[in-house]
N, C-alpha and C. Protein backbone atom coordinates (compact mmCIF):
# COMPACT_ATOMS: atom_id res chain seq x y z
N MET A 1 63.02 209.14 44.60
CA MET A 1 62.77 208.97 43.59
C MET A 1 64.32 209.08 43.09
N PRO A 2 64.40 207.69 42.19
CA PRO A 2 65.57 207.41 41.94
C PRO A 2 66.36 209.04 40.89
N GLU A 3 67.91 209.47 41.66
CA GLU A 3 68.79 210.66 41.09
C GLU A 3 68.69 210.28 39.55
N VAL A 4 68.51 211.68 38.85
CA VAL A 4 68.78 211.74 37.29
C VAL A 4 70.19 211.89 36.70
N PRO A 5 71.05 210.63 36.41
CA PRO A 5 71.76 211.23 36.05
C PRO A 5 71.98 212.65 35.14
N ASP A 6 73.06 213.33 35.12
CA ASP A 6 73.04 214.18 33.96
C ASP A 6 73.67 214.01 32.36
N ASP A 7 74.69 213.05 32.35
CA ASP A 7 74.98 212.68 31.09
C ASP A 7 73.79 211.65 30.19
N ALA A 8 73.33 212.26 29.64
CA ALA A 8 72.82 211.08 28.73
C ALA A 8 73.43 210.88 27.43
N ALA A 9 74.43 211.01 27.25
CA ALA A 9 75.49 210.26 25.83
C ALA A 9 74.75 209.21 25.89
N ASP A 10 75.11 208.52 26.68
CA ASP A 10 75.10 207.25 26.52
C ASP A 10 73.25 206.42 26.60
N GLN A 11 72.53 207.09 26.47
CA GLN A 11 71.38 206.58 26.89
C GLN A 11 71.00 205.32 25.64
N PRO A 12 70.53 204.44 26.34
CA PRO A 12 70.22 203.33 25.27
C PRO A 12 69.17 203.36 23.94
N ASN A 13 68.88 203.08 22.88
CA ASN A 13 67.39 203.30 22.03
C ASN A 13 66.61 202.25 22.78
N LEU A 14 65.79 202.23 22.95
CA LEU A 14 65.07 201.23 23.38
C LEU A 14 63.63 201.33 22.92
N THR A 15 63.13 200.30 22.56
CA THR A 15 61.40 200.46 22.13
C THR A 15 60.47 200.92 23.67
N PRO A 16 59.43 201.68 23.35
CA PRO A 16 58.52 201.58 24.14
C PRO A 16 58.43 200.42 25.24
N THR A 17 58.31 199.24 24.47
CA THR A 17 58.43 198.07 25.41
C THR A 17 59.51 197.63 25.94
N GLY A 18 61.13 197.67 25.53
CA GLY A 18 61.65 198.10 26.59
C GLY A 18 61.91 198.83 27.54
N TRP A 19 61.14 199.93 27.23
CA TRP A 19 61.47 200.81 28.71
C TRP A 19 60.21 200.67 29.72
N ALA A 20 59.21 200.09 28.51
CA ALA A 20 57.95 199.23 29.95
C ALA A 20 58.48 197.95 30.64
N LEU A 21 59.71 197.17 30.56
CA LEU A 21 59.53 196.52 31.14
C LEU A 21 60.61 196.94 32.25
N LEU A 22 61.59 197.72 31.98
CA LEU A 22 62.86 198.44 32.62
C LEU A 22 62.12 198.88 33.85
N GLY A 23 60.52 199.76 33.43
CA GLY A 23 59.97 199.92 34.73
C GLY A 23 59.40 199.20 35.50
N MET A 24 59.21 198.06 34.92
CA MET A 24 58.50 196.92 35.64
C MET A 24 59.35 196.56 36.45
N LEU A 25 60.53 196.46 36.17
CA LEU A 25 61.79 195.88 36.96
C LEU A 25 62.54 197.28 37.49
N SER A 26 62.03 198.66 37.80
CA SER A 26 62.50 199.48 38.79
C SER A 26 62.44 199.26 40.53
N GLY A 27 61.26 198.39 40.62
CA GLY A 27 61.17 198.15 42.20
C GLY A 27 61.84 197.40 42.92
N GLY A 28 63.16 196.62 41.92
CA GLY A 28 64.39 195.97 42.15
C GLY A 28 64.11 194.69 42.30
N ASP A 29 62.91 194.11 42.59
CA ASP A 29 62.35 192.54 42.67
C ASP A 29 62.80 191.98 41.51
N GLU A 30 63.27 190.82 41.60
CA GLU A 30 63.39 189.72 40.35
C GLU A 30 62.16 189.27 39.90
N LEU A 31 62.11 189.43 38.24
CA LEU A 31 60.74 188.79 37.93
C LEU A 31 61.36 187.94 36.80
N SER A 32 60.42 187.21 36.64
CA SER A 32 60.54 186.09 35.45
C SER A 32 59.84 186.46 34.21
N GLY A 33 59.97 186.20 33.09
CA GLY A 33 59.54 186.99 32.10
C GLY A 33 57.31 186.82 32.29
N TYR A 34 57.18 185.21 32.48
CA TYR A 34 56.00 185.16 33.09
C TYR A 34 55.59 186.09 33.68
N ASP A 35 56.06 186.31 35.34
CA ASP A 35 55.25 187.61 35.78
C ASP A 35 55.08 188.82 35.54
N ILE A 36 56.19 188.94 34.52
CA ILE A 36 55.88 190.51 33.61
C ILE A 36 54.97 190.34 33.00
N LYS A 37 55.00 189.36 32.15
CA LYS A 37 53.69 189.36 31.27
C LYS A 37 52.25 189.52 32.96
N LYS A 38 52.21 188.97 33.24
CA LYS A 38 51.11 188.62 34.37
C LYS A 38 50.60 190.11 34.31
N TRP A 39 51.70 191.44 34.86
CA TRP A 39 51.74 192.07 35.55
C TRP A 39 51.18 193.15 34.43
N ILE A 40 51.62 193.45 32.87
CA ILE A 40 51.21 193.87 31.73
C ILE A 40 49.81 193.50 32.03
N ASN A 41 49.14 192.11 31.85
CA ASN A 41 47.78 191.59 31.93
C ASN A 41 47.39 192.60 32.92
N TRP A 42 47.85 192.74 33.89
CA TRP A 42 46.73 193.01 35.28
C TRP A 42 46.72 194.66 35.13
N VAL A 43 47.32 195.78 34.44
CA VAL A 43 47.10 196.80 33.99
C VAL A 43 47.52 197.72 32.98
N ILE A 44 48.76 197.71 32.35
CA ILE A 44 49.08 198.45 30.89
C ILE A 44 47.77 197.87 29.82
N ARG A 45 47.78 196.72 29.81
CA ARG A 45 46.49 195.91 28.78
C ARG A 45 45.19 197.44 28.55
N PHE A 46 45.11 197.86 29.46
CA PHE A 46 43.96 198.42 29.13
C PHE A 46 44.61 199.96 27.99
N PHE A 47 45.92 200.49 28.68
CA PHE A 47 45.76 201.99 27.92
C PHE A 47 47.98 200.88 27.06
N TYR A 48 47.62 200.37 26.91
CA TYR A 48 48.87 199.70 26.15
C TYR A 48 49.13 198.91 25.62
N SER A 49 49.22 198.28 23.80
CA SER A 49 48.80 197.24 23.00
C SER A 49 49.94 195.68 24.01
N SER A 50 49.53 195.15 24.16
CA SER A 50 50.15 193.96 25.48
C SER A 50 51.28 193.06 24.43
N PRO A 51 52.47 193.14 24.89
CA PRO A 51 53.37 191.96 23.47
C PRO A 51 52.92 190.50 24.06
N ALA A 52 53.34 189.77 22.72
CA ALA A 52 53.38 188.70 23.16
C ALA A 52 54.40 188.34 23.93
N TYR A 53 54.83 186.66 24.72
CA TYR A 53 55.73 186.26 25.32
C TYR A 53 56.94 186.57 24.63
N SER A 54 57.12 185.95 23.43
CA SER A 54 58.33 185.99 22.09
C SER A 54 58.66 187.31 22.27
N GLN A 55 57.98 188.29 22.61
CA GLN A 55 58.57 189.94 22.38
C GLN A 55 59.06 190.29 23.77
N ILE A 56 58.20 190.05 25.21
CA ILE A 56 59.02 189.87 26.14
C ILE A 56 60.39 189.77 26.40
N TYR A 57 60.30 187.94 25.92
CA TYR A 57 61.63 187.59 26.23
C TYR A 57 62.90 187.96 25.45
N SER A 58 62.29 188.43 23.93
CA SER A 58 63.01 189.12 23.13
C SER A 58 63.43 190.65 23.76
N GLU A 59 62.73 191.37 24.19
CA GLU A 59 63.29 192.75 24.92
C GLU A 59 63.87 192.22 26.18
N LEU A 60 64.17 191.35 26.77
CA LEU A 60 64.87 191.05 28.03
C LEU A 60 65.96 190.50 27.67
N LYS A 61 66.16 189.89 26.33
CA LYS A 61 67.87 189.48 26.23
C LYS A 61 68.71 191.26 25.66
N LYS A 62 68.20 191.42 24.72
CA LYS A 62 68.12 193.33 24.95
C LYS A 62 68.68 193.99 25.88
N LEU A 63 67.71 193.80 26.76
CA LEU A 63 67.92 194.92 27.84
C LEU A 63 69.47 194.20 28.43
N GLU A 64 69.70 192.31 28.78
CA GLU A 64 70.31 191.74 29.17
C GLU A 64 72.17 192.23 28.32
N GLN A 65 71.82 192.26 27.05
CA GLN A 65 73.13 192.31 26.11
C GLN A 65 73.70 193.73 26.53
N LEU A 66 72.47 194.89 27.00
CA LEU A 66 72.99 196.27 27.05
C LEU A 66 73.43 196.44 28.49
N ASP A 67 73.32 195.38 29.55
CA ASP A 67 73.90 195.20 30.60
C ASP A 67 72.93 196.48 31.68
N LEU A 68 71.66 196.29 31.03
CA LEU A 68 70.49 197.07 31.82
C LEU A 68 69.81 195.98 32.75
N VAL A 69 69.73 194.82 32.60
CA VAL A 69 69.19 194.16 33.46
C VAL A 69 70.09 192.99 33.73
N THR A 70 69.89 191.72 34.75
CA THR A 70 70.96 190.32 34.65
C THR A 70 70.16 189.31 35.29
N SER A 71 70.46 188.74 34.75
CA SER A 71 69.31 187.16 34.79
C SER A 71 70.31 186.23 35.75
N ARG A 72 69.40 185.09 36.11
CA ARG A 72 69.65 183.74 36.60
C ARG A 72 68.44 182.91 36.59
N VAL A 73 69.51 181.29 36.48
CA VAL A 73 68.23 180.47 36.30
C VAL A 73 67.89 179.87 37.85
N GLU A 74 66.59 180.52 38.07
CA GLU A 74 66.01 180.00 39.12
C GLU A 74 66.03 178.43 39.08
N ALA A 75 67.44 177.91 40.23
CA ALA A 75 67.45 176.38 40.78
C ALA A 75 65.69 175.63 40.99
N THR A 76 64.81 175.66 40.66
CA THR A 76 63.69 174.68 40.52
C THR A 76 63.08 174.16 39.55
N ALA A 77 62.01 173.16 39.82
CA ALA A 77 61.76 172.17 38.88
C ALA A 77 61.24 172.90 37.57
N ARG A 78 60.89 174.07 37.54
CA ARG A 78 60.39 174.72 36.59
C ARG A 78 61.79 175.71 36.06
N SER A 79 62.56 175.87 36.24
CA SER A 79 63.96 176.31 35.97
C SER A 79 63.50 177.49 35.24
N ARG A 80 62.84 178.70 36.09
CA ARG A 80 62.61 179.76 35.49
C ARG A 80 63.68 180.99 35.76
N ARG A 81 63.81 181.32 34.43
CA ARG A 81 65.38 182.45 34.28
C ARG A 81 64.43 183.82 34.90
N MET A 82 65.30 183.81 35.82
CA MET A 82 64.83 185.61 36.45
C MET A 82 65.21 186.62 36.41
N TYR A 83 64.84 188.05 36.23
CA TYR A 83 65.77 189.27 36.31
C TYR A 83 65.75 190.12 36.95
N LYS A 84 66.42 190.55 37.19
CA LYS A 84 66.94 191.50 37.76
C LYS A 84 67.57 193.26 37.61
N ILE A 85 67.05 194.93 37.51
CA ILE A 85 67.34 196.06 37.23
C ILE A 85 68.89 195.56 37.73
N THR A 86 69.74 196.39 36.83
CA THR A 86 71.40 197.01 37.23
C THR A 86 71.02 198.47 37.59
N ASP A 87 71.88 198.85 37.97
CA ASP A 87 72.38 200.25 38.24
C ASP A 87 72.38 200.83 37.39
N THR A 88 72.99 200.59 36.01
CA THR A 88 72.30 201.07 34.86
C THR A 88 71.33 201.19 33.97
N GLY A 89 70.83 200.35 34.45
CA GLY A 89 69.62 200.13 33.84
C GLY A 89 68.45 201.15 34.71
N LEU A 90 69.04 200.95 35.89
CA LEU A 90 67.70 201.96 36.60
C LEU A 90 67.98 203.21 36.35
N ALA A 91 69.17 203.37 36.13
CA ALA A 91 69.57 204.86 35.56
C ALA A 91 68.90 205.41 34.46
N ALA A 92 69.35 204.80 33.61
CA ALA A 92 68.69 205.10 32.28
C ALA A 92 67.00 204.95 32.23
N VAL A 93 66.54 204.04 32.91
CA VAL A 93 65.08 204.71 33.03
C VAL A 93 64.56 205.39 33.68
N THR A 94 64.98 206.02 34.29
CA THR A 94 64.85 206.87 35.35
C THR A 94 65.15 208.55 34.56
N ARG A 95 66.06 208.18 33.41
CA ARG A 95 66.24 209.08 32.93
C ARG A 95 65.26 209.32 31.69
N TRP A 96 64.84 208.05 31.36
CA TRP A 96 63.98 208.22 30.35
C TRP A 96 62.44 208.65 30.72
N THR A 97 62.37 207.97 31.90
CA THR A 97 60.89 209.24 32.62
C THR A 97 60.67 210.60 32.79
N ASN A 98 61.86 210.94 32.80
CA ASN A 98 62.32 212.28 33.24
C ASN A 98 62.28 213.60 32.02
N GLU A 99 62.85 212.57 30.81
CA GLU A 99 63.51 213.67 30.32
C GLU A 99 63.32 213.31 28.50
N GLU A 100 63.05 211.96 28.19
CA GLU A 100 62.71 211.70 27.04
C GLU A 100 61.17 212.62 26.52
N PRO A 101 61.03 213.24 25.35
CA PRO A 101 59.94 213.26 25.47
C PRO A 101 58.83 212.01 25.14
N VAL A 102 57.69 212.54 25.54
CA VAL A 102 56.44 211.93 25.75
C VAL A 102 55.31 212.03 24.39
N GLU A 103 55.35 210.96 23.26
CA GLU A 103 54.62 210.83 22.09
C GLU A 103 52.93 210.97 22.14
N PRO A 104 52.38 211.85 21.53
CA PRO A 104 51.06 211.50 21.37
C PRO A 104 50.13 210.43 21.30
N PRO A 105 49.45 210.31 21.66
CA PRO A 105 49.08 208.47 22.01
C PRO A 105 48.21 208.60 20.33
N THR A 106 48.90 207.20 19.73
CA THR A 106 48.57 206.72 18.03
C THR A 106 47.04 205.92 18.47
N LEU A 107 45.72 206.43 17.55
CA LEU A 107 44.24 205.82 17.80
C LEU A 107 44.16 205.10 16.34
N LYS A 108 43.88 203.89 16.91
CA LYS A 108 43.49 203.12 15.75
C LYS A 108 42.16 202.35 16.09
N HIS A 109 41.44 203.36 16.18
CA HIS A 109 39.74 203.03 16.24
C HIS A 109 39.23 202.41 15.36
N ASN A 110 38.81 201.20 15.32
CA ASN A 110 38.35 200.11 13.90
C ASN A 110 36.83 200.53 14.15
N PRO A 111 35.92 200.29 14.62
CA PRO A 111 34.60 200.77 14.67
C PRO A 111 34.28 201.84 14.05
N ILE A 112 35.04 203.01 14.44
CA ILE A 112 34.79 204.03 13.98
C ILE A 112 35.25 204.03 12.47
N LEU A 113 36.31 203.61 11.78
CA LEU A 113 36.82 203.41 10.75
C LEU A 113 35.50 202.66 9.79
N ARG A 114 34.93 202.00 10.01
CA ARG A 114 33.42 201.19 10.01
C ARG A 114 32.38 202.34 9.74
N VAL A 115 32.43 203.59 10.49
CA VAL A 115 31.58 204.14 10.38
C VAL A 115 31.47 204.94 9.83
N ILE A 116 32.96 205.90 9.53
CA ILE A 116 33.38 207.20 8.12
C ILE A 116 32.78 206.07 6.74
N PHE A 117 32.78 204.71 7.04
CA PHE A 117 32.83 204.05 5.36
C PHE A 117 31.16 203.59 5.24
N GLY A 118 30.59 204.27 6.55
CA GLY A 118 28.75 203.79 6.83
C GLY A 118 28.08 203.33 5.13
N HIS A 119 28.34 204.37 4.58
CA HIS A 119 27.41 204.09 3.13
C HIS A 119 27.62 202.70 2.00
N LEU A 120 28.60 201.92 3.03
CA LEU A 120 29.04 201.18 2.04
C LEU A 120 28.46 199.54 2.77
N THR A 121 27.84 200.22 4.56
CA THR A 121 27.71 198.99 5.00
C THR A 121 25.72 198.28 4.99
N GLU A 122 25.58 197.03 5.15
CA GLU A 122 24.28 196.73 4.60
C GLU A 122 23.73 197.29 6.67
N PRO A 123 22.30 197.57 6.00
CA PRO A 123 21.52 197.84 7.04
C PRO A 123 21.42 197.23 8.46
N GLY A 124 21.76 198.51 9.03
CA GLY A 124 22.22 197.27 10.66
C GLY A 124 23.10 196.94 10.76
N ARG A 125 24.31 197.09 10.71
CA ARG A 125 25.37 196.54 10.31
C ARG A 125 26.22 197.45 11.25
N LEU A 126 25.88 198.47 10.87
CA LEU A 126 26.88 199.72 12.00
C LEU A 126 26.17 199.18 13.49
N LYS A 127 24.74 199.57 13.82
CA LYS A 127 24.78 199.45 15.10
C LYS A 127 24.93 197.95 15.89
N GLU A 128 25.07 197.01 14.85
CA GLU A 128 25.94 195.52 15.21
C GLU A 128 27.07 195.88 15.96
N VAL A 129 27.93 196.59 14.79
CA VAL A 129 29.77 196.89 15.44
C VAL A 129 29.41 198.01 16.59
N LEU A 130 28.89 198.89 16.76
CA LEU A 130 28.85 200.00 17.72
C LEU A 130 28.34 199.46 19.17
N THR A 131 27.46 198.26 18.90
CA THR A 131 26.54 197.48 20.28
C THR A 131 28.05 197.05 20.87
N GLU A 132 28.20 195.82 20.06
CA GLU A 132 29.20 194.63 20.42
C GLU A 132 30.89 195.57 20.85
N HIS A 133 31.16 196.88 20.55
CA HIS A 133 31.77 197.59 21.08
C HIS A 133 31.53 198.48 21.92
N ALA A 134 30.41 198.78 22.36
CA ALA A 134 29.77 199.43 23.73
C ALA A 134 30.04 198.22 24.65
N GLN A 135 29.78 196.98 24.26
CA GLN A 135 29.70 195.89 24.93
C GLN A 135 31.44 195.87 25.75
N TYR A 136 31.76 195.67 25.12
CA TYR A 136 33.91 195.77 24.95
C TYR A 136 33.95 196.60 25.77
N ALA A 137 33.78 198.14 25.71
CA ALA A 137 33.99 198.78 26.53
C ALA A 137 33.31 198.65 27.71
N ASP A 138 32.25 198.31 28.01
CA ASP A 138 31.50 197.83 29.40
C ASP A 138 32.15 197.01 29.78
N ARG A 139 32.70 195.61 29.71
CA ARG A 139 33.46 194.41 30.28
C ARG A 139 34.87 195.50 30.58
N MET A 140 35.54 196.10 29.65
CA MET A 140 36.79 196.57 29.92
C MET A 140 36.68 197.77 31.57
N GLN A 141 35.64 198.52 31.27
CA GLN A 141 35.30 199.44 32.75
C GLN A 141 35.43 198.42 33.98
N ARG A 142 34.25 197.30 33.81
CA ARG A 142 34.13 196.74 34.87
C ARG A 142 35.72 195.84 35.21
N GLU A 143 36.71 195.94 34.56
CA GLU A 143 37.60 194.79 34.80
C GLU A 143 38.88 195.81 35.65
N ALA A 144 38.66 197.08 34.55
CA ALA A 144 39.89 197.98 35.16
C ALA A 144 39.21 198.94 37.11
N ALA A 145 37.99 198.66 36.76
CA ALA A 145 37.34 199.05 38.13
C ALA A 145 37.64 197.70 39.62
N ALA A 146 37.56 196.33 38.70
CA ALA A 146 38.32 195.31 39.64
C ALA A 146 39.74 195.49 40.23
N GLU A 147 40.44 195.52 39.37
CA GLU A 147 42.08 195.90 39.31
C GLU A 147 41.87 197.32 40.62
N VAL A 148 41.18 198.31 40.14
CA VAL A 148 41.87 199.29 41.07
C VAL A 148 41.17 199.28 42.49
N ARG A 149 40.18 198.40 42.72
CA ARG A 149 40.23 197.83 44.05
C ARG A 149 41.12 197.08 44.27
N GLY A 150 41.57 196.10 43.67
CA GLY A 150 42.73 194.87 44.44
C GLY A 150 44.33 196.33 44.49
N THR A 151 44.24 197.27 43.88
CA THR A 151 45.11 197.87 44.59
C THR A 151 45.61 199.04 46.00
N ASP A 152 43.80 198.58 46.61
CA ASP A 152 43.54 199.25 48.16
C ASP A 152 44.75 199.27 49.09
N GLU A 153 45.01 198.19 49.06
CA GLU A 153 45.72 198.26 50.17
C GLU A 153 47.72 197.75 50.13
N GLN A 154 47.96 198.28 48.90
CA GLN A 154 49.53 198.27 48.70
C GLN A 154 49.84 199.75 48.16
N PRO A 155 50.26 200.46 49.13
CA PRO A 155 50.37 201.62 48.60
C PRO A 155 51.54 202.19 48.11
N THR A 156 52.55 201.21 47.67
CA THR A 156 53.43 201.60 46.78
C THR A 156 52.93 201.24 45.06
N TRP A 157 51.82 201.18 44.75
CA TRP A 157 50.95 201.26 44.02
C TRP A 157 50.15 201.82 43.69
N SER A 158 50.14 203.08 44.24
CA SER A 158 49.43 204.22 43.86
C SER A 158 49.55 204.59 42.95
N TYR A 159 50.71 204.78 41.88
CA TYR A 159 51.02 205.31 40.49
C TYR A 159 49.99 204.53 39.81
N ALA A 160 50.24 202.74 39.47
CA ALA A 160 49.73 201.76 38.82
C ALA A 160 47.64 202.28 39.65
N ARG A 161 48.08 202.61 40.66
CA ARG A 161 46.01 203.06 40.85
C ARG A 161 45.44 203.92 40.14
N LEU A 162 46.77 204.79 39.91
CA LEU A 162 46.14 206.27 38.99
C LEU A 162 45.60 205.69 37.66
N ALA A 163 46.52 205.08 37.18
CA ALA A 163 46.49 204.54 35.80
C ALA A 163 44.91 203.95 35.44
N LEU A 164 44.92 202.79 36.86
CA LEU A 164 43.76 202.09 36.01
C LEU A 164 42.45 202.58 36.58
N GLN A 165 42.32 203.96 37.48
CA GLN A 165 41.51 205.00 37.52
C GLN A 165 41.05 205.61 36.46
N TRP A 166 42.33 205.42 35.53
CA TRP A 166 42.24 206.65 34.14
C TRP A 166 41.49 205.90 33.42
N SER A 167 41.91 204.49 33.86
CA SER A 167 41.38 203.42 32.45
C SER A 167 40.15 203.54 32.32
N GLU A 168 39.75 203.31 33.91
CA GLU A 168 38.18 202.97 34.12
C GLU A 168 36.95 204.24 33.46
N ARG A 169 37.81 205.11 33.82
CA ARG A 169 36.97 206.58 32.97
C ARG A 169 36.75 206.53 31.90
N TYR A 170 38.05 206.25 30.96
CA TYR A 170 38.23 206.21 29.70
C TYR A 170 37.29 205.05 29.28
N TYR A 171 37.03 203.65 29.78
CA TYR A 171 36.21 203.00 29.04
C TYR A 171 34.60 203.38 29.03
N GLY A 172 34.88 204.03 30.65
CA GLY A 172 33.38 204.46 30.58
C GLY A 172 33.08 205.37 29.61
N ALA A 173 33.62 206.03 29.30
CA ALA A 173 33.65 207.32 28.38
C ALA A 173 32.97 206.95 26.92
N GLU A 174 34.21 205.85 26.87
CA GLU A 174 34.14 205.08 25.66
C GLU A 174 32.47 204.57 24.81
N ARG A 175 31.92 204.09 26.37
CA ARG A 175 30.52 203.23 26.26
C ARG A 175 29.93 203.89 25.93
N GLU A 176 29.73 205.09 25.85
CA GLU A 176 28.92 205.89 26.27
C GLU A 176 28.82 206.81 24.90
N LEU A 177 29.84 206.82 24.47
CA LEU A 177 29.89 207.81 22.81
C LEU A 177 29.55 206.77 21.80
N ALA A 178 29.78 205.37 21.92
CA ALA A 178 29.15 204.52 20.95
C ALA A 178 28.08 204.46 21.32
N LEU A 179 27.13 204.44 22.55
CA LEU A 179 25.49 204.34 22.53
C LEU A 179 25.42 205.52 21.84
N GLN A 180 25.69 206.84 22.30
CA GLN A 180 25.51 208.13 21.14
C GLN A 180 25.50 207.85 19.82
N LEU A 181 26.60 206.97 19.69
CA LEU A 181 26.67 207.01 18.10
C LEU A 181 25.29 206.09 17.73
N ILE A 182 25.13 205.32 17.88
CA ILE A 182 24.12 204.20 17.74
C ILE A 182 22.91 204.71 17.89
N LYS A 183 22.40 205.73 18.31
CA LYS A 183 21.24 207.37 18.46
C LYS A 183 21.58 207.97 17.33
N ASP A 184 22.40 208.12 16.86
CA ASP A 184 22.73 209.20 15.70
C ASP A 184 23.07 208.45 14.28
N LEU A 185 22.73 207.46 14.30
CA LEU A 185 23.06 206.51 13.00
C LEU A 185 21.69 207.15 12.10
N ASP A 186 20.41 206.75 12.72
CA ASP A 186 19.37 206.55 11.76
C ASP A 186 19.20 208.41 10.92
N ALA A 187 19.95 209.02 12.22
CA ALA A 187 19.91 210.31 11.00
C ALA A 187 21.04 210.60 10.11
N ALA A 188 22.07 210.03 10.43
CA ALA A 188 22.56 210.18 9.14
C ALA A 188 22.40 209.14 7.92
N GLU A 189 21.83 208.28 8.16
CA GLU A 189 21.61 206.83 7.17
C GLU A 189 20.04 207.90 6.27
N GLU A 190 19.32 208.77 6.98
CA GLU A 190 18.71 209.28 6.30
C GLU A 190 18.90 210.65 5.51
N THR A 191 19.84 211.16 5.86
CA THR A 191 20.88 212.52 5.37
C THR A 191 20.83 212.39 4.37
N PHE A 192 22.34 210.76 4.43
CA PHE A 192 23.08 210.39 3.27
C PHE A 192 21.97 209.60 2.07
N THR A 193 20.74 209.28 2.29
CA THR A 193 19.97 208.38 1.18
C THR A 193 19.45 209.55 0.51
N GLU A 194 18.98 210.89 1.41
CA GLU A 194 18.30 212.28 0.55
C GLU A 194 19.33 212.86 0.11
N ALA A 195 20.67 212.64 0.43
CA ALA A 195 21.95 213.36 -0.53
C ALA A 195 22.07 212.52 -1.92
N GLY A 196 22.18 211.13 -1.82
CA GLY A 196 22.06 210.25 -2.95
C GLY A 196 21.00 210.68 -4.03
N GLU A 197 19.75 210.73 -3.53
CA GLU A 197 18.68 210.77 -4.36
C GLU A 197 18.54 211.77 -5.22
N ALA A 198 19.10 213.26 -4.61
CA ALA A 198 19.40 214.41 -5.20
C ALA A 198 20.28 214.50 -5.92
N GLY A 199 21.17 212.91 -6.40
CA GLY A 199 22.64 212.99 -6.73
C GLY A 199 24.02 213.56 -6.67
N ALA A 200 23.69 213.68 -5.35
CA ALA A 200 25.51 214.17 -4.41
C ALA A 200 26.27 212.73 -4.59
N GLN A 201 27.53 213.13 -4.77
CA GLN A 201 28.25 211.67 -4.74
C GLN A 201 29.37 211.93 -3.68
N PHE A 202 29.73 210.88 -3.31
CA PHE A 202 30.96 210.51 -2.23
C PHE A 202 31.81 209.70 -2.48
N PRO A 203 33.13 210.24 -2.10
CA PRO A 203 33.28 211.68 -1.92
C PRO A 203 33.45 212.26 -3.52
N VAL A 204 33.10 213.56 -3.41
CA VAL A 204 33.83 214.51 -4.46
C VAL A 204 35.02 215.55 -4.23
N ARG A 205 35.91 215.27 -5.37
CA ARG A 205 37.57 215.44 -4.95
C ARG A 205 37.54 217.19 -4.73
N GLU A 206 36.22 217.69 -6.19
CA GLU A 206 36.90 219.47 -5.71
C GLU A 206 35.97 219.53 -3.69
N TYR A 207 35.27 219.08 -3.83
CA TYR A 207 35.02 219.87 -2.36
C TYR A 207 35.66 219.72 -1.34
N TRP A 208 36.65 218.13 -1.32
CA TRP A 208 36.89 218.16 0.11
C TRP A 208 38.51 219.28 -0.13
N TYR A 209 38.96 219.72 -1.29
CA TYR A 209 39.54 219.99 -1.52
C TYR A 209 39.62 221.92 -1.38
N GLU A 210 38.16 222.13 -1.11
CA GLU A 210 37.54 223.62 -0.74
C GLU A 210 37.51 223.92 0.30
N VAL A 211 37.33 222.63 1.12
CA VAL A 211 37.60 222.60 2.62
C VAL A 211 38.47 223.04 3.29
N GLU A 212 39.55 221.86 2.50
CA GLU A 212 40.79 221.89 2.82
C GLU A 212 41.25 223.55 3.27
N ARG A 213 41.29 224.17 1.39
CA ARG A 213 40.94 225.36 1.46
C ARG A 213 41.26 226.46 2.74
N ARG A 214 39.53 225.97 2.99
CA ARG A 214 38.51 227.29 3.95
C ARG A 214 39.26 227.20 5.52
N ILE A 215 39.69 225.36 5.66
CA ILE A 215 40.19 225.20 7.35
C ILE A 215 41.77 225.96 6.92
N ALA A 216 42.57 226.05 6.24
CA ALA A 216 43.67 226.46 5.93
C ALA A 216 43.34 228.05 6.29
N ALA A 217 42.40 228.66 5.61
CA ALA A 217 42.23 230.34 5.96
C ALA A 217 42.08 230.95 7.29
N GLU A 218 41.15 229.64 7.82
CA GLU A 218 40.40 230.36 9.13
C GLU A 218 41.97 229.80 9.87
N LYS A 219 42.74 229.25 9.51
CA LYS A 219 44.28 228.71 10.62
C LYS A 219 45.11 229.92 10.46
N ASP A 220 44.82 230.73 9.04
CA ASP A 220 45.93 232.06 8.90
C ASP A 220 44.85 233.19 9.82
N GLN A 221 44.08 233.34 9.92
CA GLN A 221 43.53 233.85 10.24
C GLN A 221 43.36 234.21 12.02
N GLY A 222 43.32 233.12 12.80
CA GLY A 222 43.54 232.81 13.83
C GLY A 222 45.00 232.83 14.45
């Protein structure tokens, strides 16, 4: 592992995508923007949103302006621009991986957003949404598993293999959660319907504030 510099005063202010690009270049090999996009689609897409080509090239330009990478135009028919990490860039990304705080993941789960407003949904629609999500999770799990097998013969990809194995397990769990939700929908519909027939409303402002006070009291006692 590269040595972590002591002086962090000049640590550049990069986006997560910028740090990811530096990390991909940390092996020392020259890569084009196309190469980097392919690598992102190979592994990072399973657990981090895949940037567009325009964002990748914009970030690479910024990294070069900061002297974190260098580039040259390859003398071929396609005239590809090749990027290589500098010593400054390697020091910066090494410091980032070791010292910068790791923010919790941000979950934006659109199928569950539909579930919480299920009282507005036409009969059967939520099951369609969750079935499609289960199929998506199943496909992603199988794709991650295939990529795991592709790392078997590359010892230097051992950390990438761990990330891919995590992705395979994650999407397997996501599929099972979606299938369980499908089974639970009928009971939720029955409960909600009975409450509506009894005159209950959603949401009731006073009730939610009471729940908030109750939870706060439990935290204070804990």
